[in-house]
PDB file of N, CA and C in Angstrom:
ATOM      1  N   MET A   1     100.223 113.933 126.643  1.00  0.00           N
ATOM      2  CA  MET A   1     100.588 113.583 125.297  1.00  0.00           C
ATOM      3  C   MET A   1     100.714 112.044 125.150  1.00  0.00           C
ATOM      4  N   SER A   2     101.278 111.395 126.151  1.00  0.00           N
ATOM      5  CA  SER A   2     101.438 109.950 126.093  1.00  0.00           C
ATOM      6  C   SER A   2     100.098 109.214 126.029  1.00  0.00           C
ATOM      7  N   ARG A   3      99.129 109.750 126.769  1.00  0.00           N
ATOM      8  CA  ARG A   3      97.785 109.110 126.784  1.00  0.00           C
ATOM      9  C   ARG A   3      97.157 109.249 125.400  1.00  0.00           C
ATOM     10  N   LEU A   4      97.242 110.399 124.780  1.00  0.00           N
ATOM     11  CA  LEU A   4      96.694 110.621 123.451  1.00  0.00           C
ATOM     12  C   LEU A   4      97.387 109.710 122.426  1.00  0.00           C
ATOM     13  N   PHE A   5      98.679 109.583 122.547  1.00  0.00           N
ATOM     14  CA  PHE A   5      99.450 108.717 121.645  1.00  0.00           C
ATOM     15  C   PHE A   5      98.970 107.260 121.778  1.00  0.00           C
ATOM     16  N   ASN A   6      98.781 106.816 123.001  1.00  0.00           N
ATOM     17  CA  ASN A   6      98.296 105.442 123.219  1.00  0.00           C
ATOM     18  C   ASN A   6      96.877 105.218 122.653  1.00  0.00           C
ATOM     19  N   VAL A   7      96.022 106.197 122.849  1.00  0.00           N
ATOM     20  CA  VAL A   7      94.685 106.110 122.322  1.00  0.00           C
ATOM     21  C   VAL A   7      94.714 106.055 120.793  1.00  0.00           C
ATOM     22  N   CYS A   8      95.571 106.843 120.196  1.00  0.00           N
ATOM     23  CA  CYS A   8      95.711 106.845 118.716  1.00  0.00           C
ATOM     24  C   CYS A   8      96.240 105.503 118.225  1.00  0.00           C
ATOM     25  N   LEU A   9      97.208 104.937 118.939  1.00  0.00           N
ATOM     26  CA  LEU A   9      97.748 103.638 118.559  1.00  0.00           C
ATOM     27  C   LEU A   9      96.683 102.550 118.619  1.00  0.00           C
ATOM     28  N   ILE A  10      95.928 102.525 119.691  1.00  0.00           N
ATOM     29  CA  ILE A  10      94.888 101.527 119.856  1.00  0.00           C
ATOM     30  C   ILE A  10      93.805 101.692 118.801  1.00  0.00           C
ATOM     31  N   ALA A  11      93.399 102.940 118.546  1.00  0.00           N
ATOM     32  CA  ALA A  11      92.378 103.202 117.518  1.00  0.00           C
ATOM     33  C   ALA A  11      92.872 102.801 116.121  1.00  0.00           C
ATOM     34  N   SER A  12      94.115 103.070 115.827  1.00  0.00           N
ATOM     35  CA  SER A  12      94.643 102.684 114.516  1.00  0.00           C
ATOM     36  C   SER A  12      94.777 101.156 114.390  1.00  0.00           C
ATOM     37  N   TRP A  13      95.171 100.518 115.488  1.00  0.00           N
ATOM     38  CA  TRP A  13      95.254  99.046 115.467  1.00  0.00           C
ATOM     39  C   TRP A  13      93.883  98.447 115.246  1.00  0.00           C
ATOM     40  N   TYR A  14      92.900  98.946 115.980  1.00  0.00           N
ATOM     41  CA  TYR A  14      91.530  98.411 115.886  1.00  0.00           C
ATOM     42  C   TYR A  14      90.959  98.614 114.489  1.00  0.00           C
ATOM     43  N   SER A  15      91.106  99.842 113.959  1.00  0.00           N
ATOM     44  CA  SER A  15      90.531 100.131 112.626  1.00  0.00           C
ATOM     45  C   SER A  15      91.283  99.365 111.543  1.00  0.00           C
ATOM     46  N   SER A  16      92.586  99.231 111.647  1.00  0.00           N
ATOM     47  CA  SER A  16      93.320  98.465 110.631  1.00  0.00           C
ATOM     48  C   SER A  16      92.940  96.987 110.695  1.00  0.00           C
ATOM     49  N   ASN A  17      92.702  96.475 111.895  1.00  0.00           N
ATOM     50  CA  ASN A  17      92.278  95.078 112.033  1.00  0.00           C
ATOM     51  C   ASN A  17      90.937  94.844 111.351  1.00  0.00           C
ATOM     52  N   ILE A  18      89.998  95.726 111.573  1.00  0.00           N
ATOM     53  CA  ILE A  18      88.712  95.601 110.928  1.00  0.00           C
ATOM     54  C   ILE A  18      88.854  95.773 109.423  1.00  0.00           C
ATOM     55  N   GLY A  19      89.678  96.740 108.999  1.00  0.00           N
ATOM     56  CA  GLY A  19      89.865  96.949 107.573  1.00  0.00           C
ATOM     57  C   GLY A  19      90.452  95.743 106.852  1.00  0.00           C
ATOM     58  N   VAL A  20      91.468  95.122 107.470  1.00  0.00           N
ATOM     59  CA  VAL A  20      92.084  93.929 106.895  1.00  0.00           C
ATOM     60  C   VAL A  20      91.065  92.802 106.842  1.00  0.00           C
ATOM     61  N   LEU A  21      90.299  92.627 107.888  1.00  0.00           N
ATOM     62  CA  LEU A  21      89.302  91.573 107.938  1.00  0.00           C
ATOM     63  C   LEU A  21      88.270  91.745 106.819  1.00  0.00           C
ATOM     64  N   LEU A  22      87.729  92.933 106.664  1.00  0.00           N
ATOM     65  CA  LEU A  22      86.712  93.187 105.641  1.00  0.00           C
ATOM     66  C   LEU A  22      87.293  93.058 104.238  1.00  0.00           C
ATOM     67  N   LEU A  23      88.522  93.513 104.035  1.00  0.00           N
ATOM     68  CA  LEU A  23      89.144  93.404 102.734  1.00  0.00           C
ATOM     69  C   LEU A  23      89.423  91.937 102.387  1.00  0.00           C
ATOM     70  N   ASN A  24      89.893  91.150 103.353  1.00  0.00           N
ATOM     71  CA  ASN A  24      90.104  89.729 103.130  1.00  0.00           C
ATOM     72  C   ASN A  24      88.793  89.040 102.794  1.00  0.00           C
ATOM     73  N   LYS A  25      87.733  89.346 103.497  1.00  0.00           N
ATOM     74  CA  LYS A  25      86.431  88.737 103.284  1.00  0.00           C
ATOM     75  C   LYS A  25      85.952  89.095 101.852  1.00  0.00           C
ATOM     76  N   TYR A  26      86.119  90.358 101.464  1.00  0.00           N
ATOM     77  CA  TYR A  26      85.702  90.783 100.134  1.00  0.00           C
ATOM     78  C   TYR A  26      86.466  90.046  99.054  1.00  0.00           C
ATOM     79  N   LEU A  27      87.810  89.957  99.227  1.00  0.00           N
ATOM     80  CA  LEU A  27      88.621  89.283  98.224  1.00  0.00           C
ATOM     81  C   LEU A  27      88.299  87.801  98.115  1.00  0.00           C
ATOM     82  N   LEU A  28      88.026  87.159  99.220  1.00  0.00           N
ATOM     83  CA  LEU A  28      87.781  85.700  99.222  1.00  0.00           C
ATOM     84  C   LEU A  28      86.394  85.335  98.759  1.00  0.00           C
ATOM     85  N   THR A  29      85.377  86.158  99.004  1.00  0.00           N
ATOM     86  CA  THR A  29      84.042  85.769  98.675  1.00  0.00           C
ATOM     87  C   THR A  29      83.514  86.509  97.424  1.00  0.00           C
ATOM     88  N   ASN A  30      83.548  87.796  97.406  1.00  0.00           N
ATOM     89  CA  ASN A  30      82.989  88.564  96.288  1.00  0.00           C
ATOM     90  C   ASN A  30      83.860  88.532  95.048  1.00  0.00           C
ATOM     91  N   TYR A  31      85.146  88.639  95.220  1.00  0.00           N
ATOM     92  CA  TYR A  31      86.068  88.703  94.095  1.00  0.00           C
ATOM     93  C   TYR A  31      86.486  87.328  93.637  1.00  0.00           C
ATOM     94  N   GLY A  32      86.318  86.335  94.496  1.00  0.00           N
ATOM     95  CA  GLY A  32      86.667  84.955  94.124  1.00  0.00           C
ATOM     96  C   GLY A  32      88.137  84.626  94.236  1.00  0.00           C
ATOM     97  N   PHE A  33      88.869  85.375  95.040  1.00  0.00           N
ATOM     98  CA  PHE A  33      90.310  85.107  95.250  1.00  0.00           C
ATOM     99  C   PHE A  33      90.441  83.765  95.965  1.00  0.00           C
ATOM    100  N   LYS A  34      91.288  82.891  95.435  1.00  0.00           N
ATOM    101  CA  LYS A  34      91.335  81.525  95.966  1.00  0.00           C
ATOM    102  C   LYS A  34      92.587  81.206  96.755  1.00  0.00           C
ATOM    103  N   TYR A  35      93.315  82.214  97.208  1.00  0.00           N
ATOM    104  CA  TYR A  35      94.589  81.958  97.858  1.00  0.00           C
ATOM    105  C   TYR A  35      94.672  82.624  99.226  1.00  0.00           C
ATOM    106  N   PRO A  36      94.002  82.073 100.236  1.00  0.00           N
ATOM    107  CA  PRO A  36      94.053  82.716 101.569  1.00  0.00           C
ATOM    108  C   PRO A  36      95.440  82.716 102.186  1.00  0.00           C
ATOM    109  N   ILE A  37      96.263  81.726 101.858  1.00  0.00           N
ATOM    110  CA  ILE A  37      97.617  81.708 102.427  1.00  0.00           C
ATOM    111  C   ILE A  37      98.469  82.831 101.823  1.00  0.00           C
ATOM    112  N   PHE A  38      98.210  83.184 100.564  1.00  0.00           N
ATOM    113  CA  PHE A  38      98.891  84.360  99.968  1.00  0.00           C
ATOM    114  C   PHE A  38      98.505  85.628 100.692  1.00  0.00           C
ATOM    115  N   LEU A  39      97.234  85.740 101.072  1.00  0.00           N
ATOM    116  CA  LEU A  39      96.814  86.895 101.867  1.00  0.00           C
ATOM    117  C   LEU A  39      97.552  86.953 103.200  1.00  0.00           C
ATOM    118  N   THR A  40      97.777  85.780 103.789  1.00  0.00           N
ATOM    119  CA  THR A  40      98.541  85.732 105.030  1.00  0.00           C
ATOM    120  C   THR A  40      99.969  86.166 104.807  1.00  0.00           C
ATOM    121  N   LEU A  41     100.576  85.759 103.695  1.00  0.00           N
ATOM    122  CA  LEU A  41     101.929  86.189 103.368  1.00  0.00           C
ATOM    123  C   LEU A  41     101.971  87.704 103.244  1.00  0.00           C
ATOM    124  N   CYS A  42     101.015  88.286 102.555  1.00  0.00           N
ATOM    125  CA  CYS A  42     100.972  89.755 102.449  1.00  0.00           C
ATOM    126  C   CYS A  42     100.806  90.407 103.808  1.00  0.00           C
ATOM    127  N   HIS A  43      99.986  89.839 104.664  1.00  0.00           N
ATOM    128  CA  HIS A  43      99.761  90.360 106.013  1.00  0.00           C
ATOM    129  C   HIS A  43     101.044  90.323 106.813  1.00  0.00           C
ATOM    130  N   MET A  44     101.757  89.203 106.779  1.00  0.00           N
ATOM    131  CA  MET A  44     102.996  89.054 107.529  1.00  0.00           C
ATOM    132  C   MET A  44     104.077  89.996 107.012  1.00  0.00           C
ATOM    133  N   MET A  45     104.161  90.161 105.690  1.00  0.00           N
ATOM    134  CA  MET A  45     105.153  91.066 105.129  1.00  0.00           C
ATOM    135  C   MET A  45     104.877  92.514 105.507  1.00  0.00           C
ATOM    136  N   ALA A  46     103.601  92.896 105.490  1.00  0.00           N
ATOM    137  CA  ALA A  46     103.233  94.253 105.897  1.00  0.00           C
ATOM    138  C   ALA A  46     103.535  94.463 107.371  1.00  0.00           C
ATOM    139  N   CYS A  47     103.236  93.486 108.210  1.00  0.00           N
ATOM    140  CA  CYS A  47     103.556  93.604 109.660  1.00  0.00           C
ATOM    141  C   CYS A  47     105.053  93.752 109.870  1.00  0.00           C
ATOM    142  N   SER A  48     105.838  92.957 109.142  1.00  0.00           N
ATOM    143  CA  SER A  48     107.300  93.033 109.300  1.00  0.00           C
ATOM    144  C   SER A  48     107.848  94.387 108.843  1.00  0.00           C
ATOM    145  N   LEU A  49     107.372  94.864 107.710  1.00  0.00           N
ATOM    146  CA  LEU A  49     107.835  96.146 107.193  1.00  0.00           C
ATOM    147  C   LEU A  49     107.439  97.303 108.121  1.00  0.00           C
ATOM    148  N   LEU A  50     106.205  97.326 108.562  1.00  0.00           N
ATOM    149  CA  LEU A  50     105.769  98.393 109.430  1.00  0.00           C
ATOM    150  C   LEU A  50     106.440  98.334 110.824  1.00  0.00           C
ATOM    151  N   SER A  51     106.716  97.130 111.296  1.00  0.00           N
ATOM    152  CA  SER A  51     107.449  96.978 112.546  1.00  0.00           C
ATOM    153  C   SER A  51     108.873  97.523 112.413  1.00  0.00           C
ATOM    154  N   TYR A  52     109.513  97.192 111.302  1.00  0.00           N
ATOM    155  CA  TYR A  52     110.852  97.682 111.025  1.00  0.00           C
ATOM    156  C   TYR A  52     110.897  99.208 110.999  1.00  0.00           C
ATOM    157  N   ILE A  53     109.926  99.793 110.279  1.00  0.00           N
ATOM    158  CA  ILE A  53     109.859 101.256 110.175  1.00  0.00           C
ATOM    159  C   ILE A  53     109.608 101.872 111.562  1.00  0.00           C
ATOM    160  N   SER A  54     108.717 101.269 112.360  1.00  0.00           N
ATOM    161  CA  SER A  54     108.388 101.797 113.674  1.00  0.00           C
ATOM    162  C   SER A  54     109.594 101.727 114.626  1.00  0.00           C
ATOM    163  N   ILE A  55     110.420 100.686 114.482  1.00  0.00           N
ATOM    164  CA  ILE A  55     111.554 100.526 115.386  1.00  0.00           C
ATOM    165  C   ILE A  55     112.768 101.329 114.878  1.00  0.00           C
ATOM    166  N   SER A  56     113.093 101.187 113.602  1.00  0.00           N
ATOM    167  CA  SER A  56     114.339 101.755 113.117  1.00  0.00           C
ATOM    168  C   SER A  56     114.251 103.246 112.746  1.00  0.00           C
ATOM    169  N   TRP A  57     113.182 103.635 112.125  1.00  0.00           N
ATOM    170  CA  TRP A  57     113.103 105.005 111.652  1.00  0.00           C
ATOM    171  C   TRP A  57     112.324 105.915 112.598  1.00  0.00           C
ATOM    172  N   LEU A  58     111.138 105.463 113.024  1.00  0.00           N
ATOM    173  CA  LEU A  58     110.296 106.325 113.868  1.00  0.00           C
ATOM    174  C   LEU A  58     110.665 106.261 115.341  1.00  0.00           C
ATOM    175  N   LYS A  59     111.407 105.252 115.735  1.00  0.00           N
ATOM    176  CA  LYS A  59     111.864 105.083 117.131  1.00  0.00           C
ATOM    177  C   LYS A  59     110.670 105.049 118.109  1.00  0.00           C
ATOM    178  N   ILE A  60     109.578 104.434 117.715  1.00  0.00           N
ATOM    179  CA  ILE A  60     108.416 104.337 118.592  1.00  0.00           C
ATOM    180  C   ILE A  60     108.700 103.448 119.765  1.00  0.00           C
ATOM    181  N   VAL A  61     109.401 102.363 119.498  1.00  0.00           N
ATOM    182  CA  VAL A  61     109.840 101.453 120.577  1.00  0.00           C
ATOM    183  C   VAL A  61     111.314 101.195 120.360  1.00  0.00           C
ATOM    184  N   PRO A  62     112.054 100.914 121.432  1.00  0.00           N
ATOM    185  CA  PRO A  62     113.491 100.672 121.297  1.00  0.00           C
ATOM    186  C   PRO A  62     113.795  99.309 120.668  1.00  0.00           C
ATOM    187  N   LEU A  63     114.887  99.234 119.955  1.00  0.00           N
ATOM    188  CA  LEU A  63     115.378  97.998 119.399  1.00  0.00           C
ATOM    189  C   LEU A  63     115.898  97.130 120.527  1.00  0.00           C
ATOM    190  N   GLN A  64     115.456  95.889 120.545  1.00  0.00           N
ATOM    191  CA  GLN A  64     115.862  94.960 121.598  1.00  0.00           C
ATOM    192  C   GLN A  64     116.523  93.743 120.956  1.00  0.00           C
ATOM    193  N   THR A  65     117.570  93.260 121.605  1.00  0.00           N
ATOM    194  CA  THR A  65     118.258  92.064 121.078  1.00  0.00           C
ATOM    195  C   THR A  65     117.737  90.830 121.802  1.00  0.00           C
ATOM    196  N   ILE A  66     117.862  89.714 121.108  1.00  0.00           N
ATOM    197  CA  ILE A  66     117.491  88.420 121.709  1.00  0.00           C
ATOM    198  C   ILE A  66     118.697  87.990 122.544  1.00  0.00           C
ATOM    199  N   ARG A  67     118.430  87.687 123.826  1.00  0.00           N
ATOM    200  CA  ARG A  67     119.501  87.432 124.769  1.00  0.00           C
ATOM    201  C   ARG A  67     119.893  85.966 124.916  1.00  0.00           C
ATOM    202  N   SER A  68     119.003  85.054 124.567  1.00  0.00           N
ATOM    203  CA  SER A  68     119.318  83.647 124.768  1.00  0.00           C
ATOM    204  C   SER A  68     118.595  82.806 123.734  1.00  0.00           C
ATOM    205  N   ARG A  69     119.054  81.573 123.618  1.00  0.00           N
ATOM    206  CA  ARG A  69     118.413  80.637 122.711  1.00  0.00           C
ATOM    207  C   ARG A  69     116.980  80.332 123.174  1.00  0.00           C
ATOM    208  N   SER A  70     116.772  80.267 124.454  1.00  0.00           N
ATOM    209  CA  SER A  70     115.434  80.014 125.008  1.00  0.00           C
ATOM    210  C   SER A  70     114.476  81.136 124.614  1.00  0.00           C
ATOM    211  N   GLN A  71     114.943  82.383 124.731  1.00  0.00           N
ATOM    212  CA  GLN A  71     114.101  83.512 124.347  1.00  0.00           C
ATOM    213  C   GLN A  71     113.786  83.448 122.855  1.00  0.00           C
ATOM    214  N   PHE A  72     114.777  83.094 122.046  1.00  0.00           N
ATOM    215  CA  PHE A  72     114.579  82.982 120.588  1.00  0.00           C
ATOM    216  C   PHE A  72     113.526  81.932 120.282  1.00  0.00           C
ATOM    217  N   LEU A  73     113.596  80.779 120.957  1.00  0.00           N
ATOM    218  CA  LEU A  73     112.628  79.702 120.730  1.00  0.00           C
ATOM    219  C   LEU A  73     111.196  80.137 121.132  1.00  0.00           C
ATOM    220  N   LYS A  74     111.095  80.878 122.240  1.00  0.00           N
ATOM    221  CA  LYS A  74     109.774  81.327 122.671  1.00  0.00           C
ATOM    222  C   LYS A  74     109.180  82.334 121.678  1.00  0.00           C
ATOM    223  N   ILE A  75     110.022  83.222 121.194  1.00  0.00           N
ATOM    224  CA  ILE A  75     109.556  84.233 120.208  1.00  0.00           C
ATOM    225  C   ILE A  75     109.189  83.535 118.917  1.00  0.00           C
ATOM    226  N   SER A  76     109.975  82.560 118.502  1.00  0.00           N
ATOM    227  CA  SER A  76     109.669  81.810 117.274  1.00  0.00           C
ATOM    228  C   SER A  76     108.354  81.046 117.395  1.00  0.00           C
ATOM    229  N   ALA A  77     108.156  80.415 118.550  1.00  0.00           N
ATOM    230  CA  ALA A  77     106.886  79.679 118.769  1.00  0.00           C
ATOM    231  C   ALA A  77     105.699  80.631 118.700  1.00  0.00           C
ATOM    232  N   LEU A  78     105.848  81.801 119.310  1.00  0.00           N
ATOM    233  CA  LEU A  78     104.774  82.790 119.254  1.00  0.00           C
ATOM    234  C   LEU A  78     104.497  83.238 117.824  1.00  0.00           C
ATOM    235  N   GLY A  79     105.577  83.419 117.046  1.00  0.00           N
ATOM    236  CA  GLY A  79     105.400  83.799 115.647  1.00  0.00           C
ATOM    237  C   GLY A  79     104.683  82.744 114.834  1.00  0.00           C
ATOM    238  N   VAL A  80     105.016  81.489 115.062  1.00  0.00           N
ATOM    239  CA  VAL A  80     104.401  80.393 114.318  1.00  0.00           C
ATOM    240  C   VAL A  80     102.901  80.302 114.705  1.00  0.00           C
ATOM    241  N   ILE A  81     102.610  80.457 115.989  1.00  0.00           N
ATOM    242  CA  ILE A  81     101.211  80.408 116.449  1.00  0.00           C
ATOM    243  C   ILE A  81     100.430  81.563 115.874  1.00  0.00           C
ATOM    244  N   PHE A  82     101.011  82.767 115.858  1.00  0.00           N
ATOM    245  CA  PHE A  82     100.325  83.936 115.320  1.00  0.00           C
ATOM    246  C   PHE A  82     100.059  83.735 113.818  1.00  0.00           C
ATOM    247  N   CYS A  83     101.063  83.275 113.098  1.00  0.00           N
ATOM    248  CA  CYS A  83     100.906  83.052 111.653  1.00  0.00           C
ATOM    249  C   CYS A  83      99.840  81.988 111.389  1.00  0.00           C
ATOM    250  N   SER A  84      99.848  80.933 112.173  1.00  0.00           N
ATOM    251  CA  SER A  84      98.808  79.885 112.025  1.00  0.00           C
ATOM    252  C   SER A  84      97.429  80.451 112.304  1.00  0.00           C
ATOM    253  N   SER A  85      97.335  81.316 113.260  1.00  0.00           N
ATOM    254  CA  SER A  85      96.051  81.960 113.588  1.00  0.00           C
ATOM    255  C   SER A  85      95.543  82.816 112.416  1.00  0.00           C
ATOM    256  N   VAL A  86      96.445  83.558 111.808  1.00  0.00           N
ATOM    257  CA  VAL A  86      96.061  84.392 110.660  1.00  0.00           C
ATOM    258  C   VAL A  86      95.668  83.506 109.474  1.00  0.00           C
ATOM    259  N   VAL A  87      96.422  82.434 109.223  1.00  0.00           N
ATOM    260  CA  VAL A  87      96.080  81.548 108.119  1.00  0.00           C
ATOM    261  C   VAL A  87      94.714  80.955 108.316  1.00  0.00           C
ATOM    262  N   THR A  88      94.440  80.370 109.500  1.00  0.00           N
ATOM    263  CA  THR A  88      93.151  79.756 109.737  1.00  0.00           C
ATOM    264  C   THR A  88      92.016  80.794 109.721  1.00  0.00           C
ATOM    265  N   GLY A  89      92.310  82.000 110.181  1.00  0.00           N
ATOM    266  CA  GLY A  89      91.304  83.053 110.117  1.00  0.00           C
ATOM    267  C   GLY A  89      90.956  83.435 108.677  1.00  0.00           C
ATOM    268  N   ASN A  90      91.998  83.528 107.829  1.00  0.00           N
ATOM    269  CA  ASN A  90      91.754  83.855 106.452  1.00  0.00           C
ATOM    270  C   ASN A  90      91.017  82.727 105.706  1.00  0.00           C
ATOM    271  N   VAL A  91      91.385  81.492 106.004  1.00  0.00           N
ATOM    272  CA  VAL A  91      90.684  80.362 105.376  1.00  0.00           C
ATOM    273  C   VAL A  91      89.239  80.309 105.837  1.00  0.00           C
ATOM    274  N   SER A  92      88.995  80.596 107.125  1.00  0.00           N
ATOM    275  CA  SER A  92      87.611  80.529 107.613  1.00  0.00           C
ATOM    276  C   SER A  92      86.732  81.620 107.044  1.00  0.00           C
ATOM    277  N   LEU A  93      87.310  82.718 106.591  1.00  0.00           N
ATOM    278  CA  LEU A  93      86.520  83.818 106.040  1.00  0.00           C
ATOM    279  C   LEU A  93      85.788  83.377 104.752  1.00  0.00           C
ATOM    280  N   ARG A  94      86.311  82.349 104.128  1.00  0.00           N
ATOM    281  CA  ARG A  94      85.650  81.844 102.928  1.00  0.00           C
ATOM    282  C   ARG A  94      84.293  81.207 103.269  1.00  0.00           C
ATOM    283  N   TYR A  95      84.150  80.727 104.496  1.00  0.00           N
ATOM    284  CA  TYR A  95      82.960  79.961 104.892  1.00  0.00           C
ATOM    285  C   TYR A  95      82.098  80.631 105.958  1.00  0.00           C
ATOM    286  N   LEU A  96      82.650  81.600 106.674  1.00  0.00           N
ATOM    287  CA  LEU A  96      81.963  82.202 107.803  1.00  0.00           C
ATOM    288  C   LEU A  96      81.688  83.684 107.560  1.00  0.00           C
ATOM    289  N   PRO A  97      80.604  84.213 108.114  1.00  0.00           N
ATOM    290  CA  PRO A  97      80.377  85.657 108.001  1.00  0.00           C
ATOM    291  C   PRO A  97      81.353  86.425 108.919  1.00  0.00           C
ATOM    292  N   VAL A  98      81.624  87.660 108.534  1.00  0.00           N
ATOM    293  CA  VAL A  98      82.530  88.501 109.294  1.00  0.00           C
ATOM    294  C   VAL A  98      82.052  88.697 110.734  1.00  0.00           C
ATOM    295  N   SER A  99      80.729  88.838 110.921  1.00  0.00           N
ATOM    296  CA  SER A  99      80.208  89.064 112.264  1.00  0.00           C
ATOM    297  C   SER A  99      80.550  87.884 113.192  1.00  0.00           C
ATOM    298  N   PHE A 100      80.461  86.641 112.678  1.00  0.00           N
ATOM    299  CA  PHE A 100      80.797  85.490 113.515  1.00  0.00           C
ATOM    300  C   PHE A 100      82.288  85.478 113.794  1.00  0.00           C
ATOM    301  N   ASN A 101      83.082  85.813 112.819  1.00  0.00           N
ATOM    302  CA  ASN A 101      84.550  85.854 113.002  1.00  0.00           C
ATOM    303  C   ASN A 101      84.906  86.870 114.086  1.00  0.00           C
ATOM    304  N   GLN A 102      84.261  88.047 114.052  1.00  0.00           N
ATOM    305  CA  GLN A 102      84.510  89.081 115.087  1.00  0.00           C
ATOM    306  C   GLN A 102      84.036  88.609 116.457  1.00  0.00           C
ATOM    307  N   ALA A 103      82.902  87.935 116.496  1.00  0.00           N
ATOM    308  CA  ALA A 103      82.368  87.446 117.775  1.00  0.00           C
ATOM    309  C   ALA A 103      83.311  86.450 118.406  1.00  0.00           C
ATOM    310  N   VAL A 104      83.863  85.539 117.605  1.00  0.00           N
ATOM    311  CA  VAL A 104      84.798  84.570 118.118  1.00  0.00           C
ATOM    312  C   VAL A 104      86.070  85.270 118.591  1.00  0.00           C
ATOM    313  N   GLY A 105      86.547  86.265 117.826  1.00  0.00           N
ATOM    314  CA  GLY A 105      87.720  87.018 118.224  1.00  0.00           C
ATOM    315  C   GLY A 105      87.518  87.810 119.500  1.00  0.00           C
ATOM    316  N   ALA A 106      86.265  88.215 119.744  1.00  0.00           N
ATOM    317  CA  ALA A 106      85.991  88.973 120.967  1.00  0.00           C
ATOM    318  C   ALA A 106      86.052  88.106 122.224  1.00  0.00           C
ATOM    319  N   THR A 107      86.023  86.807 122.063  1.00  0.00           N
ATOM    320  CA  THR A 107      86.123  85.909 123.237  1.00  0.00           C
ATOM    321  C   THR A 107      87.555  85.666 123.669  1.00  0.00           C
ATOM    322  N   THR A 108      88.523  86.140 122.892  1.00  0.00           N
ATOM    323  CA  THR A 108      89.915  85.886 123.212  1.00  0.00           C
ATOM    324  C   THR A 108      90.299  86.370 124.610  1.00  0.00           C
ATOM    325  N   PRO A 109      89.952  87.591 125.035  1.00  0.00           N
ATOM    326  CA  PRO A 109      90.327  88.015 126.402  1.00  0.00           C
ATOM    327  C   PRO A 109      89.724  87.105 127.471  1.00  0.00           C
ATOM    328  N   PHE A 110      88.495  86.643 127.269  1.00  0.00           N
ATOM    329  CA  PHE A 110      87.865  85.764 128.240  1.00  0.00           C
ATOM    330  C   PHE A 110      88.680  84.468 128.418  1.00  0.00           C
ATOM    331  N   PHE A 111      89.000  83.850 127.298  1.00  0.00           N
ATOM    332  CA  PHE A 111      89.768  82.589 127.375  1.00  0.00           C
ATOM    333  C   PHE A 111      91.174  82.816 127.905  1.00  0.00           C
ATOM    334  N   HIS A 112      91.767  83.940 127.579  1.00  0.00           N
ATOM    335  CA  HIS A 112      93.097  84.266 128.071  1.00  0.00           C
ATOM    336  C   HIS A 112      93.068  84.402 129.602  1.00  0.00           C
ATOM    337  N   CYS A 113      92.109  85.163 130.112  1.00  0.00           N
ATOM    338  CA  CYS A 113      91.993  85.347 131.569  1.00  0.00           C
ATOM    339  C   CYS A 113      91.664  84.028 132.255  1.00  0.00           C
ATOM    340  N   SER A 114      90.770  83.244 131.659  1.00  0.00           N
ATOM    341  CA  SER A 114      90.445  81.937 132.255  1.00  0.00           C
ATOM    342  C   SER A 114      91.672  81.049 132.314  1.00  0.00           C
ATOM    343  N   PHE A 115      92.439  81.018 131.255  1.00  0.00           N
ATOM    344  CA  PHE A 115      93.656  80.202 131.249  1.00  0.00           C
ATOM    345  C   PHE A 115      94.623  80.663 132.344  1.00  0.00           C
ATOM    346  N   CYS A 116      94.792  81.979 132.467  1.00  0.00           N
ATOM    347  CA  CYS A 116      95.709  82.517 133.492  1.00  0.00           C
ATOM    348  C   CYS A 116      95.224  82.167 134.905  1.00  0.00           C
ATOM    349  N   ILE A 117      93.928  82.223 135.141  1.00  0.00           N
ATOM    350  CA  ILE A 117      93.394  81.856 136.445  1.00  0.00           C
ATOM    351  C   ILE A 117      93.616  80.370 136.753  1.00  0.00           C
ATOM    352  N   PHE A 118      93.276  79.537 135.792  1.00  0.00           N
ATOM    353  CA  PHE A 118      93.410  78.094 136.015  1.00  0.00           C
ATOM    354  C   PHE A 118      94.868  77.635 136.039  1.00  0.00           C
ATOM    355  N   ALA A 119      95.730  78.349 135.379  1.00  0.00           N
ATOM    356  CA  ALA A 119      97.162  77.970 135.333  1.00  0.00           C
ATOM    357  C   ALA A 119      97.952  78.660 136.444  1.00  0.00           C
ATOM    358  N   ASP A 120      97.275  79.459 137.260  1.00  0.00           N
ATOM    359  CA  ASP A 120      97.931  80.206 138.363  1.00  0.00           C
ATOM    360  C   ASP A 120      99.082  81.064 137.868  1.00  0.00           C
ATOM    361  N   ILE A 121      98.840  81.773 136.785  1.00  0.00           N
ATOM    362  CA  ILE A 121      99.876  82.661 136.238  1.00  0.00           C
ATOM    363  C   ILE A 121      99.657  84.053 136.832  1.00  0.00           C
TER     364      ILE A 121
END
């Protein structure tokens, strides 16, 4: 059951990621929507709401508290970097095709592994 649950989570994450990307591209190019940062705000609000529901109501993952100021700063930095990534991704959709955006995103694991190897992590 756990394996099926994990497969379903990964499939839903992957399909929602593609769905959001295609919808953002459609809104920015075909519909002429001129506010990519507003799309990022909607994305972040949806992530926050669904995370809250998953933790508080569905109990998919346990609620965890922040234990130190250092941990809070690390989590905050990760949040800012993620938000910046979504903003730049949404802005780039105005100028780049979805296929190129997906190809660049597919290189993330390569660069992550390379960084870990070179940083001896």
